Amino acid sequence: MSAVSPDGVVAAAALAGLPLDEDHAAAIAALLGAWVPAANALSTRMQAESVRDVAPATVFGQVEP
């Protein structure tokens, strides 16, 4: 069972002031239901000691005004 539900998507959208109908909420919940477990797995993997020194290929620095 996915931790992402259409009701949760609607609630999050409401917090952001974004109206969302049931069809779109169901589609977004299905998409996030697939993405979130994969993102969590990647996050867990990237915390391993063996990849601790891996850095992104592109680094965005802060530009001083």
Protein backbone atom coordinates (compact mmCIF):
# COMPACT_ATOMS: atom_id res chain seq x y z
CA MET A 1 0.00 0.00 0.00
CA SER A 2 1.29 3.42 -0.94
CA ALA A 3 1.84 6.09 1.70
CA VAL A 4 0.54 8.64 -0.83
CA SER A 5 -3.23 8.88 -1.12
CA PRO A 6 -5.46 11.09 -3.25
CA ASP A 7 -6.79 12.65 -0.02
CA GLY A 8 -3.24 13.48 1.04
CA VAL A 9 -2.51 15.00 -2.36
CA VAL A 10 -5.66 17.15 -2.14
CA ALA A 11 -4.70 18.27 1.39
CA ALA A 12 -1.17 19.22 0.29
CA ALA A 13 -2.53 21.05 -2.75
CA ALA A 14 -4.99 22.95 -0.55
CA LEU A 15 -2.13 24.07 1.72
CA ALA A 16 -0.40 25.47 -1.37
CA GLY A 17 -3.61 27.14 -2.57
CA LEU A 18 -3.88 24.85 -5.61
CA PRO A 19 -7.34 23.53 -6.46
CA LEU A 20 -7.29 19.89 -7.56
CA ASP A 21 -10.10 17.70 -8.85
CA GLU A 22 -10.44 14.01 -7.92
CA ASP A 23 -9.10 12.70 -11.25
CA HIS A 24 -5.95 14.78 -11.06
CA ALA A 25 -5.46 13.94 -7.37
CA ALA A 26 -5.66 10.21 -8.14
CA ALA A 27 -3.17 10.53 -11.01
CA ILE A 28 -0.74 12.53 -8.88
CA ALA A 29 -1.08 10.09 -5.98
CA ALA A 30 -0.25 7.19 -8.31
CA LEU A 31 2.80 9.01 -9.67
CA LEU A 32 4.06 10.00 -6.24
CA GLY A 33 3.31 6.51 -4.95
CA ALA A 34 5.85 5.20 -7.45
CA TRP A 35 8.41 7.99 -6.99
CA VAL A 36 8.52 8.31 -3.19
CA PRO A 37 9.67 4.73 -2.42
CA ALA A 38 12.39 5.03 -5.08
CA ALA A 39 13.50 8.40 -3.72
CA ASN A 40 13.62 6.99 -0.19
CA ALA A 41 15.66 4.01 -1.40
CA LEU A 42 18.12 6.33 -3.14
CA SER A 43 18.36 8.50 -0.04
CA THR A 44 19.13 5.45 2.06
CA ARG A 45 21.74 4.26 -0.44
CA MET A 46 23.44 7.65 -0.56
CA GLN A 47 23.90 7.57 3.22
CA ALA A 48 26.12 4.48 2.97
CA GLU A 49 29.77 4.93 3.87
CA SER A 50 30.84 3.58 0.46
CA VAL A 51 29.31 6.56 -1.35
CA ARG A 52 29.89 9.21 1.30
CA ASP A 53 32.38 11.11 -0.92
CA VAL A 54 30.18 11.12 -4.04
CA ALA A 55 29.26 14.68 -5.05
CA PRO A 56 26.89 15.99 -7.69
CA ALA A 57 28.34 16.72 -11.12
CA THR A 58 26.73 20.14 -11.06
CA VAL A 59 27.11 22.31 -7.99
CA PHE A 60 25.05 25.46 -7.63
CA GLY A 61 26.86 28.13 -5.67
CA GLN A 62 25.41 31.20 -4.09
CA VAL A 63 26.19 34.41 -5.94
CA GLU A 64 26.93 37.35 -3.70
CA PRO A 65 24.95 40.49 -4.63
